[in-house]
């Protein structure tokens, strides 16, 4: 359900006299939460920043197409997650490496000056990186953001049942990853 503030923001985004100011508020309000959603998918700080620039450019360029059928946050999360997943797919094609073959994620994260986790978190990220893109997005949204399936459904344009199944399969795969390490 859209809040009064979201309704006001949507109205201002649609008004040519107020859209620049309203969009600046959108950027200020959503930059950090969107960054972390993207970062959990791509893992690298610089890549996440590049994707964030693309997200806000795409949002700005498609303001005229935004029809206020969903909340501003849902619209932005959809753009951000799609951009992050597209980046991952493009990166795999460019490198010719599948997620199953990329077993150095933990080492890359531990060497990243912006990563503030420990070895266990790095290993979790390695396990997550081996999931198919959609399972990775669903797991991140549910596990880290504690997002409801109904909201995920609106963002990912998938049924709640399919999302629940994806999440549970992802959890099983992650558990198997850790069990294989013991």
N, C-alpha and C. Protein backbone atom coordinates (compact mmCIF):
# COMPACT_ATOMS: atom_id res chain seq x y z
N UNK A 1 0.84 -1.19 0.00
CA UNK A 1 0.00 0.00 0.00
C UNK A 1 0.88 1.24 0.00
N UNK A 2 0.54 2.23 -0.77
CA UNK A 2 1.33 3.45 -0.88
C UNK A 2 1.01 4.39 0.27
N UNK A 3 2.04 4.97 0.84
CA UNK A 3 1.85 5.90 1.95
C UNK A 3 1.57 7.29 1.42
N UNK A 4 1.14 8.17 2.33
CA UNK A 4 0.88 9.56 1.95
C UNK A 4 2.14 10.19 1.37
N UNK A 5 3.29 9.97 2.00
CA UNK A 5 4.54 10.54 1.51
C UNK A 5 4.88 10.00 0.12
N UNK A 6 4.65 8.71 -0.10
CA UNK A 6 4.92 8.11 -1.40
C UNK A 6 3.97 8.70 -2.45
N UNK A 7 2.71 8.90 -2.09
CA UNK A 7 1.76 9.52 -3.01
C UNK A 7 2.21 10.93 -3.39
N UNK A 8 2.66 11.69 -2.40
CA UNK A 8 3.14 13.05 -2.65
C UNK A 8 4.39 13.02 -3.54
N UNK A 9 5.29 12.10 -3.25
CA UNK A 9 6.51 11.98 -4.05
C UNK A 9 6.18 11.60 -5.48
N UNK A 10 5.25 10.67 -5.67
CA UNK A 10 4.84 10.27 -7.02
C UNK A 10 4.24 11.46 -7.77
N UNK A 11 3.41 12.23 -7.08
CA UNK A 11 2.80 13.41 -7.70
C UNK A 11 3.87 14.40 -8.13
N UNK A 12 4.85 14.63 -7.25
CA UNK A 12 5.91 15.59 -7.55
C UNK A 12 6.83 15.10 -8.66
N UNK A 13 7.06 13.79 -8.73
CA UNK A 13 7.87 13.24 -9.81
C UNK A 13 7.19 13.42 -11.15
N UNK A 14 5.87 13.40 -11.17
CA UNK A 14 5.11 13.56 -12.41
C UNK A 14 4.97 15.03 -12.83
N UNK A 15 5.24 15.95 -11.92
CA UNK A 15 5.10 17.38 -12.20
C UNK A 15 6.42 17.93 -12.76
N UNK A 16 6.43 18.39 -14.01
CA UNK A 16 7.68 18.88 -14.61
C UNK A 16 8.35 20.01 -13.81
N UNK A 17 7.57 20.77 -13.06
CA UNK A 17 8.14 21.87 -12.27
C UNK A 17 8.83 21.37 -11.01
N UNK A 18 8.45 20.18 -10.53
CA UNK A 18 8.98 19.67 -9.28
C UNK A 18 9.81 18.40 -9.41
N UNK A 19 9.88 17.85 -10.62
CA UNK A 19 10.48 16.52 -10.77
C UNK A 19 11.96 16.48 -10.42
N UNK A 20 12.72 17.54 -10.71
CA UNK A 20 14.16 17.53 -10.38
C UNK A 20 14.38 17.48 -8.87
N UNK A 21 13.65 18.30 -8.15
CA UNK A 21 13.78 18.31 -6.69
C UNK A 21 13.30 17.00 -6.09
N UNK A 22 12.18 16.50 -6.60
CA UNK A 22 11.65 15.23 -6.10
C UNK A 22 12.61 14.08 -6.41
N UNK A 23 13.22 14.10 -7.57
CA UNK A 23 14.16 13.03 -7.92
C UNK A 23 15.40 13.10 -7.05
N UNK A 24 15.86 14.30 -6.73
CA UNK A 24 16.99 14.45 -5.81
C UNK A 24 16.66 13.83 -4.44
N UNK A 25 15.42 13.98 -4.01
CA UNK A 25 14.98 13.36 -2.75
C UNK A 25 14.96 11.84 -2.87
N UNK A 26 14.53 11.36 -4.02
CA UNK A 26 14.52 9.91 -4.27
C UNK A 26 15.95 9.37 -4.17
N UNK A 27 16.87 10.04 -4.83
CA UNK A 27 18.27 9.60 -4.81
C UNK A 27 18.80 9.61 -3.37
N UNK A 28 18.53 10.67 -2.63
CA UNK A 28 19.00 10.75 -1.25
C UNK A 28 18.39 9.66 -0.37
N UNK A 29 17.12 9.41 -0.56
CA UNK A 29 16.40 8.45 0.29
C UNK A 29 16.75 6.99 -0.04
N UNK A 30 16.94 6.68 -1.32
CA UNK A 30 17.08 5.29 -1.72
C UNK A 30 18.50 4.86 -2.09
N UNK A 31 19.45 5.76 -2.14
CA UNK A 31 20.81 5.38 -2.55
C UNK A 31 21.39 4.27 -1.71
N UNK A 32 21.35 4.43 -0.40
CA UNK A 32 21.98 3.42 0.46
C UNK A 32 21.27 2.07 0.43
N UNK A 33 19.93 2.02 0.61
CA UNK A 33 19.30 0.69 0.56
C UNK A 33 19.45 0.01 -0.80
N UNK A 34 19.39 0.78 -1.87
CA UNK A 34 19.57 0.19 -3.20
C UNK A 34 21.01 -0.30 -3.39
N UNK A 35 21.96 0.50 -2.91
CA UNK A 35 23.37 0.10 -3.01
C UNK A 35 23.57 -1.28 -2.39
N UNK A 36 23.02 -1.49 -1.19
CA UNK A 36 23.24 -2.77 -0.51
C UNK A 36 22.52 -3.92 -1.20
N UNK A 37 21.39 -3.66 -1.81
CA UNK A 37 20.72 -4.72 -2.58
C UNK A 37 21.58 -5.11 -3.78
N UNK A 38 22.11 -4.12 -4.45
CA UNK A 38 22.98 -4.37 -5.60
C UNK A 38 24.29 -5.01 -5.16
N UNK A 39 24.88 -4.50 -4.11
CA UNK A 39 26.18 -5.00 -3.64
C UNK A 39 26.11 -6.47 -3.25
N UNK A 40 25.00 -6.89 -2.66
CA UNK A 40 24.87 -8.29 -2.28
C UNK A 40 24.77 -9.21 -3.50
N UNK A 41 24.40 -8.65 -4.62
CA UNK A 41 24.32 -9.46 -5.84
C UNK A 41 25.66 -9.46 -6.58
N UNK A 42 26.30 -8.30 -6.71
CA UNK A 42 27.55 -8.22 -7.48
C UNK A 42 28.80 -8.34 -6.63
N UNK A 43 28.68 -8.11 -5.32
CA UNK A 43 29.73 -8.26 -4.32
C UNK A 43 30.82 -7.20 -4.33
N UNK A 44 31.13 -6.62 -5.45
CA UNK A 44 32.23 -5.67 -5.55
C UNK A 44 31.73 -4.24 -5.40
N UNK A 45 32.41 -3.45 -4.56
CA UNK A 45 32.01 -2.07 -4.28
C UNK A 45 31.99 -1.20 -5.54
N UNK A 46 33.06 -1.25 -6.33
CA UNK A 46 33.13 -0.41 -7.53
C UNK A 46 32.06 -0.79 -8.54
N UNK A 47 31.83 -2.09 -8.71
CA UNK A 47 30.76 -2.54 -9.62
C UNK A 47 29.40 -2.06 -9.12
N UNK A 48 29.18 -2.16 -7.81
CA UNK A 48 27.90 -1.71 -7.24
C UNK A 48 27.70 -0.21 -7.48
N UNK A 49 28.76 0.57 -7.32
CA UNK A 49 28.65 2.01 -7.58
C UNK A 49 28.33 2.30 -9.04
N UNK A 50 28.98 1.59 -9.95
CA UNK A 50 28.70 1.77 -11.38
C UNK A 50 27.25 1.42 -11.69
N UNK A 51 26.78 0.33 -11.13
CA UNK A 51 25.40 -0.09 -11.35
C UNK A 51 24.44 0.94 -10.78
N UNK A 52 24.75 1.49 -9.62
CA UNK A 52 23.88 2.50 -9.02
C UNK A 52 23.73 3.72 -9.93
N UNK A 53 24.82 4.12 -10.57
CA UNK A 53 24.72 5.24 -11.51
C UNK A 53 23.75 4.87 -12.65
N UNK A 54 23.88 3.65 -13.14
CA UNK A 54 22.97 3.19 -14.21
C UNK A 54 21.52 3.15 -13.73
N UNK A 55 21.33 2.72 -12.49
CA UNK A 55 19.97 2.62 -11.93
C UNK A 55 19.31 3.99 -11.93
N UNK A 56 20.02 4.99 -11.40
CA UNK A 56 19.41 6.32 -11.31
C UNK A 56 19.28 6.99 -12.68
N UNK A 57 20.21 6.71 -13.59
CA UNK A 57 20.05 7.22 -14.96
C UNK A 57 18.82 6.61 -15.62
N UNK A 58 18.68 5.29 -15.46
CA UNK A 58 17.53 4.60 -16.06
C UNK A 58 16.23 5.11 -15.43
N UNK A 59 16.23 5.30 -14.11
CA UNK A 59 15.04 5.81 -13.43
C UNK A 59 14.70 7.22 -13.93
N UNK A 60 15.69 8.07 -14.02
CA UNK A 60 15.46 9.44 -14.49
C UNK A 60 14.91 9.44 -15.92
N UNK A 61 15.54 8.64 -16.77
CA UNK A 61 15.12 8.59 -18.17
C UNK A 61 13.74 7.96 -18.37
N UNK A 62 13.29 7.18 -17.40
CA UNK A 62 11.99 6.54 -17.55
C UNK A 62 10.94 7.14 -16.61
N UNK A 63 11.21 8.31 -16.08
CA UNK A 63 10.22 8.97 -15.20
C UNK A 63 8.87 9.11 -15.90
N UNK A 64 8.90 9.44 -17.16
CA UNK A 64 7.65 9.60 -17.91
C UNK A 64 6.86 8.31 -18.03
N UNK A 65 7.54 7.17 -17.94
CA UNK A 65 6.88 5.87 -18.05
C UNK A 65 6.38 5.37 -16.70
N UNK A 66 6.89 5.95 -15.61
CA UNK A 66 6.46 5.51 -14.28
C UNK A 66 5.02 5.94 -14.07
N UNK A 67 4.15 4.96 -13.92
CA UNK A 67 2.72 5.25 -13.87
C UNK A 67 2.14 5.16 -12.47
N UNK A 68 2.96 5.11 -11.49
CA UNK A 68 2.52 5.10 -10.09
C UNK A 68 1.62 3.92 -9.74
N UNK A 69 1.75 2.83 -10.50
CA UNK A 69 0.99 1.63 -10.16
C UNK A 69 1.62 0.91 -8.96
N UNK A 70 2.89 1.17 -8.76
CA UNK A 70 3.59 0.59 -7.62
C UNK A 70 4.25 1.73 -6.84
N UNK A 71 4.78 1.37 -5.68
CA UNK A 71 5.48 2.36 -4.88
C UNK A 71 6.78 2.74 -5.58
N UNK A 72 7.28 3.91 -5.27
CA UNK A 72 8.55 4.36 -5.83
C UNK A 72 9.65 3.36 -5.46
N UNK A 73 9.65 2.88 -4.23
CA UNK A 73 10.67 1.93 -3.80
C UNK A 73 10.62 0.64 -4.62
N UNK A 74 9.43 0.12 -4.87
CA UNK A 74 9.29 -1.10 -5.66
C UNK A 74 9.81 -0.88 -7.07
N UNK A 75 9.48 0.24 -7.67
CA UNK A 75 9.94 0.59 -9.01
C UNK A 75 11.47 0.65 -9.04
N UNK A 76 12.07 1.31 -8.06
CA UNK A 76 13.52 1.44 -8.02
C UNK A 76 14.21 0.10 -7.74
N UNK A 77 13.65 -0.69 -6.81
CA UNK A 77 14.24 -2.00 -6.51
C UNK A 77 14.21 -2.89 -7.73
N UNK A 78 13.12 -2.82 -8.50
CA UNK A 78 13.02 -3.62 -9.73
C UNK A 78 14.13 -3.22 -10.70
N UNK A 79 14.32 -1.93 -10.89
CA UNK A 79 15.37 -1.46 -11.79
C UNK A 79 16.74 -1.91 -11.28
N UNK A 80 16.99 -1.73 -9.98
CA UNK A 80 18.30 -2.05 -9.40
C UNK A 80 18.61 -3.54 -9.49
N UNK A 81 17.67 -4.36 -9.15
CA UNK A 81 17.90 -5.81 -9.17
C UNK A 81 18.10 -6.29 -10.61
N UNK A 82 17.30 -5.78 -11.52
CA UNK A 82 17.48 -6.16 -12.93
C UNK A 82 18.83 -5.72 -13.47
N UNK A 83 19.27 -4.52 -13.11
CA UNK A 83 20.59 -4.04 -13.54
C UNK A 83 21.70 -4.91 -12.95
N UNK A 84 21.57 -5.27 -11.67
CA UNK A 84 22.58 -6.10 -11.03
C UNK A 84 22.63 -7.49 -11.66
N UNK A 85 21.47 -8.09 -11.90
CA UNK A 85 21.43 -9.41 -12.52
C UNK A 85 21.96 -9.37 -13.94
N UNK A 86 21.63 -8.31 -14.68
CA UNK A 86 22.17 -8.15 -16.04
C UNK A 86 23.69 -8.03 -16.00
N UNK A 87 24.20 -7.29 -15.03
CA UNK A 87 25.65 -7.13 -14.87
C UNK A 87 26.31 -8.49 -14.63
N UNK A 88 25.73 -9.28 -13.72
CA UNK A 88 26.29 -10.60 -13.41
C UNK A 88 26.29 -11.49 -14.65
N UNK A 89 25.19 -11.50 -15.39
CA UNK A 89 25.11 -12.31 -16.61
C UNK A 89 26.15 -11.87 -17.63
N UNK A 90 26.28 -10.55 -17.82
CA UNK A 90 27.25 -10.01 -18.77
C UNK A 90 28.67 -10.34 -18.33
N UNK A 91 28.93 -10.24 -17.05
CA UNK A 91 30.26 -10.52 -16.51
C UNK A 91 30.63 -11.99 -16.74
N UNK A 92 29.67 -12.88 -16.52
CA UNK A 92 29.93 -14.31 -16.74
C UNK A 92 30.24 -14.59 -18.20
N UNK A 93 29.48 -13.97 -19.10
CA UNK A 93 29.73 -14.17 -20.52
C UNK A 93 31.10 -13.62 -20.91
N UNK A 94 31.42 -12.43 -20.40
CA UNK A 94 32.69 -11.78 -20.73
C UNK A 94 33.87 -12.59 -20.22
N UNK A 95 33.74 -13.14 -19.02
CA UNK A 95 34.84 -13.89 -18.43
C UNK A 95 34.81 -15.36 -18.84
N UNK A 96 33.68 -15.82 -19.36
CA UNK A 96 33.56 -17.22 -19.72
C UNK A 96 33.62 -18.13 -18.52
N UNK A 97 33.15 -17.62 -17.37
CA UNK A 97 33.20 -18.38 -16.12
C UNK A 97 31.80 -18.50 -15.58
N UNK A 98 31.39 -19.71 -15.23
CA UNK A 98 30.09 -19.88 -14.61
C UNK A 98 30.22 -19.65 -13.11
N UNK A 99 29.10 -19.42 -12.45
CA UNK A 99 29.13 -19.20 -11.00
C UNK A 99 29.70 -20.42 -10.29
N UNK A 100 29.45 -21.63 -10.82
CA UNK A 100 29.95 -22.84 -10.17
C UNK A 100 31.47 -22.91 -10.23
N UNK A 101 32.08 -22.29 -11.23
CA UNK A 101 33.53 -22.34 -11.37
C UNK A 101 34.22 -21.23 -10.59
N UNK A 102 33.52 -20.20 -10.22
CA UNK A 102 34.14 -19.08 -9.53
C UNK A 102 34.19 -19.36 -8.03
N UNK A 103 35.26 -20.00 -7.59
CA UNK A 103 35.37 -20.39 -6.19
C UNK A 103 36.28 -19.46 -5.40
N UNK A 104 36.62 -18.31 -5.94
CA UNK A 104 37.52 -17.40 -5.26
C UNK A 104 36.80 -16.20 -4.67
N UNK A 105 35.49 -16.24 -4.61
CA UNK A 105 34.71 -15.10 -4.11
C UNK A 105 35.15 -14.71 -2.70
N UNK A 106 35.30 -15.70 -1.82
CA UNK A 106 35.68 -15.41 -0.44
C UNK A 106 37.02 -14.70 -0.39
N UNK A 107 37.98 -15.17 -1.15
CA UNK A 107 39.30 -14.53 -1.15
C UNK A 107 39.25 -13.12 -1.70
N UNK A 108 38.44 -12.93 -2.77
CA UNK A 108 38.29 -11.58 -3.33
C UNK A 108 37.66 -10.63 -2.31
N UNK A 109 36.65 -11.11 -1.60
CA UNK A 109 35.99 -10.27 -0.61
C UNK A 109 36.93 -9.91 0.53
N UNK A 110 37.66 -10.89 1.02
CA UNK A 110 38.58 -10.63 2.14
C UNK A 110 39.68 -9.64 1.75
N UNK A 111 40.02 -9.57 0.46
CA UNK A 111 41.02 -8.62 -0.01
C UNK A 111 40.43 -7.25 -0.32
N UNK A 112 39.09 -7.14 -0.37
CA UNK A 112 38.40 -5.89 -0.70
C UNK A 112 38.39 -4.98 0.52
N UNK A 113 38.95 -3.78 0.39
CA UNK A 113 39.02 -2.86 1.53
C UNK A 113 37.65 -2.41 2.02
N UNK A 114 36.62 -2.55 1.19
CA UNK A 114 35.27 -2.13 1.58
C UNK A 114 34.47 -3.26 2.24
N UNK A 115 34.99 -4.48 2.22
CA UNK A 115 34.31 -5.62 2.84
C UNK A 115 34.63 -5.62 4.32
N UNK A 116 33.58 -5.59 5.14
CA UNK A 116 33.81 -5.53 6.58
C UNK A 116 33.36 -6.79 7.31
N UNK A 117 33.19 -7.89 6.56
CA UNK A 117 32.77 -9.14 7.17
C UNK A 117 33.96 -9.99 7.58
N UNK A 118 33.65 -11.14 8.17
CA UNK A 118 34.69 -12.08 8.57
C UNK A 118 34.73 -13.24 7.59
N UNK A 119 35.53 -14.26 7.91
CA UNK A 119 35.69 -15.42 7.03
C UNK A 119 34.35 -16.13 6.78
N UNK A 120 33.53 -16.24 7.82
CA UNK A 120 32.24 -16.92 7.68
C UNK A 120 31.34 -16.17 6.70
N UNK A 121 31.29 -14.84 6.82
CA UNK A 121 30.49 -14.04 5.90
C UNK A 121 31.03 -14.16 4.48
N UNK A 122 32.34 -14.18 4.34
CA UNK A 122 32.94 -14.33 3.02
C UNK A 122 32.57 -15.69 2.42
N UNK A 123 32.58 -16.73 3.23
CA UNK A 123 32.20 -18.06 2.74
C UNK A 123 30.71 -18.09 2.38
N UNK A 124 29.87 -17.41 3.17
CA UNK A 124 28.45 -17.33 2.83
C UNK A 124 28.27 -16.65 1.48
N UNK A 125 29.01 -15.58 1.26
CA UNK A 125 28.92 -14.87 -0.02
C UNK A 125 29.40 -15.75 -1.16
N UNK A 126 30.41 -16.57 -0.90
CA UNK A 126 30.88 -17.50 -1.93
C UNK A 126 29.78 -18.50 -2.26
N UNK A 127 29.11 -19.02 -1.23
CA UNK A 127 28.01 -19.97 -1.45
C UNK A 127 26.88 -19.30 -2.23
N UNK A 128 26.54 -18.08 -1.85
CA UNK A 128 25.47 -17.34 -2.54
C UNK A 128 25.85 -17.09 -3.99
N UNK A 129 27.12 -16.80 -4.24
CA UNK A 129 27.55 -16.50 -5.62
C UNK A 129 27.39 -17.69 -6.54
N UNK A 130 27.30 -18.89 -5.99
CA UNK A 130 27.15 -20.08 -6.81
C UNK A 130 25.69 -20.37 -7.16
N UNK A 131 24.77 -19.62 -6.57
CA UNK A 131 23.35 -19.79 -6.88
C UNK A 131 23.03 -19.18 -8.24
N UNK A 132 22.04 -19.72 -8.93
CA UNK A 132 21.56 -19.05 -10.14
C UNK A 132 21.09 -17.62 -9.78
N UNK A 133 21.12 -16.72 -10.74
CA UNK A 133 20.87 -15.30 -10.48
C UNK A 133 19.58 -15.03 -9.72
N UNK A 134 18.48 -15.65 -10.13
CA UNK A 134 17.19 -15.37 -9.49
C UNK A 134 17.19 -15.90 -8.05
N UNK A 135 17.72 -17.10 -7.84
CA UNK A 135 17.80 -17.63 -6.47
C UNK A 135 18.67 -16.72 -5.61
N UNK A 136 19.74 -16.21 -6.18
CA UNK A 136 20.62 -15.30 -5.45
C UNK A 136 19.86 -14.05 -5.03
N UNK A 137 19.11 -13.47 -5.95
CA UNK A 137 18.34 -12.26 -5.64
C UNK A 137 17.29 -12.56 -4.57
N UNK A 138 16.56 -13.65 -4.73
CA UNK A 138 15.52 -14.02 -3.76
C UNK A 138 16.13 -14.25 -2.39
N UNK A 139 17.24 -14.99 -2.34
CA UNK A 139 17.88 -15.26 -1.05
C UNK A 139 18.31 -13.96 -0.38
N UNK A 140 18.96 -13.09 -1.13
CA UNK A 140 19.42 -11.82 -0.56
C UNK A 140 18.27 -10.96 -0.04
N UNK A 141 17.21 -10.86 -0.83
CA UNK A 141 16.07 -10.04 -0.41
C UNK A 141 15.40 -10.61 0.83
N UNK A 142 15.30 -11.91 0.92
CA UNK A 142 14.63 -12.54 2.07
C UNK A 142 15.54 -12.60 3.30
N UNK A 143 16.77 -13.04 3.11
CA UNK A 143 17.68 -13.26 4.23
C UNK A 143 18.20 -11.94 4.81
N UNK A 144 18.72 -11.08 3.96
CA UNK A 144 19.32 -9.84 4.45
C UNK A 144 18.30 -8.73 4.69
N UNK A 145 17.34 -8.61 3.80
CA UNK A 145 16.39 -7.50 3.89
C UNK A 145 15.09 -7.89 4.57
N UNK A 146 14.92 -9.20 4.84
CA UNK A 146 13.71 -9.72 5.47
C UNK A 146 12.46 -9.24 4.74
N UNK A 147 12.57 -9.19 3.41
CA UNK A 147 11.48 -8.71 2.58
C UNK A 147 10.39 -9.78 2.49
N UNK A 148 9.15 -9.33 2.52
CA UNK A 148 8.01 -10.23 2.39
C UNK A 148 7.93 -10.75 0.95
N UNK A 149 7.41 -11.96 0.82
CA UNK A 149 7.27 -12.54 -0.52
C UNK A 149 6.35 -11.70 -1.40
N UNK A 150 5.35 -11.09 -0.81
CA UNK A 150 4.43 -10.26 -1.61
C UNK A 150 5.16 -9.07 -2.24
N UNK A 151 6.07 -8.47 -1.49
CA UNK A 151 6.84 -7.34 -2.02
C UNK A 151 7.85 -7.82 -3.07
N UNK A 152 8.49 -8.97 -2.79
CA UNK A 152 9.41 -9.55 -3.76
C UNK A 152 8.69 -9.87 -5.06
N UNK A 153 7.46 -10.34 -4.94
CA UNK A 153 6.66 -10.70 -6.11
C UNK A 153 6.47 -9.49 -7.01
N UNK A 154 6.21 -8.34 -6.40
CA UNK A 154 6.03 -7.11 -7.18
C UNK A 154 7.34 -6.66 -7.82
N UNK A 155 8.45 -6.84 -7.12
CA UNK A 155 9.74 -6.41 -7.64
C UNK A 155 10.23 -7.33 -8.75
N UNK A 156 10.14 -8.64 -8.52
CA UNK A 156 10.69 -9.61 -9.46
C UNK A 156 9.67 -10.12 -10.48
N UNK A 157 8.42 -9.68 -10.32
CA UNK A 157 7.35 -10.05 -11.24
C UNK A 157 7.23 -11.57 -11.36
N UNK A 158 7.20 -12.23 -10.19
CA UNK A 158 7.11 -13.68 -10.08
C UNK A 158 6.12 -14.01 -8.98
N UNK A 159 5.49 -15.17 -9.06
CA UNK A 159 4.51 -15.54 -8.04
C UNK A 159 5.18 -15.79 -6.69
N UNK A 160 4.41 -15.59 -5.63
CA UNK A 160 4.93 -15.82 -4.29
C UNK A 160 5.34 -17.27 -4.11
N UNK A 161 4.57 -18.19 -4.67
CA UNK A 161 4.90 -19.61 -4.56
C UNK A 161 6.26 -19.93 -5.19
N UNK A 162 6.50 -19.37 -6.36
CA UNK A 162 7.79 -19.59 -7.03
C UNK A 162 8.93 -18.99 -6.22
N UNK A 163 8.68 -17.84 -5.60
CA UNK A 163 9.72 -17.19 -4.79
C UNK A 163 10.03 -18.02 -3.54
N UNK A 164 8.99 -18.55 -2.91
CA UNK A 164 9.19 -19.40 -1.73
C UNK A 164 10.01 -20.63 -2.10
N UNK A 165 9.67 -21.24 -3.22
CA UNK A 165 10.41 -22.42 -3.68
C UNK A 165 11.87 -22.06 -3.97
N UNK A 166 12.10 -20.93 -4.64
CA UNK A 166 13.47 -20.49 -4.94
C UNK A 166 14.26 -20.26 -3.67
N UNK A 167 13.63 -19.63 -2.69
CA UNK A 167 14.32 -19.36 -1.42
C UNK A 167 14.71 -20.67 -0.73
N UNK A 168 13.78 -21.60 -0.65
CA UNK A 168 14.06 -22.84 0.06
C UNK A 168 15.11 -23.69 -0.68
N UNK A 169 15.10 -23.66 -1.99
CA UNK A 169 16.14 -24.36 -2.76
C UNK A 169 17.49 -23.69 -2.53
N UNK A 170 17.50 -22.36 -2.50
CA UNK A 170 18.75 -21.63 -2.24
C UNK A 170 19.31 -21.97 -0.87
N UNK A 171 18.45 -22.00 0.15
CA UNK A 171 18.89 -22.35 1.50
C UNK A 171 19.49 -23.75 1.51
N UNK A 172 18.83 -24.67 0.82
CA UNK A 172 19.32 -26.05 0.76
C UNK A 172 20.71 -26.10 0.11
N UNK A 173 20.88 -25.39 -0.99
CA UNK A 173 22.17 -25.37 -1.69
C UNK A 173 23.26 -24.75 -0.82
N UNK A 174 22.93 -23.69 -0.11
CA UNK A 174 23.91 -23.04 0.77
C UNK A 174 24.30 -23.97 1.91
N UNK A 175 23.31 -24.65 2.47
CA UNK A 175 23.57 -25.62 3.54
C UNK A 175 24.48 -26.73 3.03
N UNK A 176 24.20 -27.24 1.84
CA UNK A 176 25.04 -28.28 1.24
C UNK A 176 26.46 -27.78 1.00
N UNK A 177 26.59 -26.52 0.58
CA UNK A 177 27.91 -25.92 0.36
C UNK A 177 28.72 -25.96 1.66
N UNK A 178 28.10 -25.53 2.76
CA UNK A 178 28.81 -25.52 4.06
C UNK A 178 29.07 -26.93 4.56
N UNK A 179 28.15 -27.85 4.36
CA UNK A 179 28.35 -29.23 4.79
C UNK A 179 29.49 -29.88 4.04
N UNK A 180 29.65 -29.53 2.77
CA UNK A 180 30.74 -30.09 1.97
C UNK A 180 32.10 -29.56 2.44
N UNK A 181 32.12 -28.41 3.10
CA UNK A 181 33.36 -27.80 3.59
C UNK A 181 33.80 -28.40 4.92
N UNK A 182 32.87 -29.04 5.63
CA UNK A 182 33.21 -29.59 6.96
C UNK A 182 34.00 -30.86 6.89
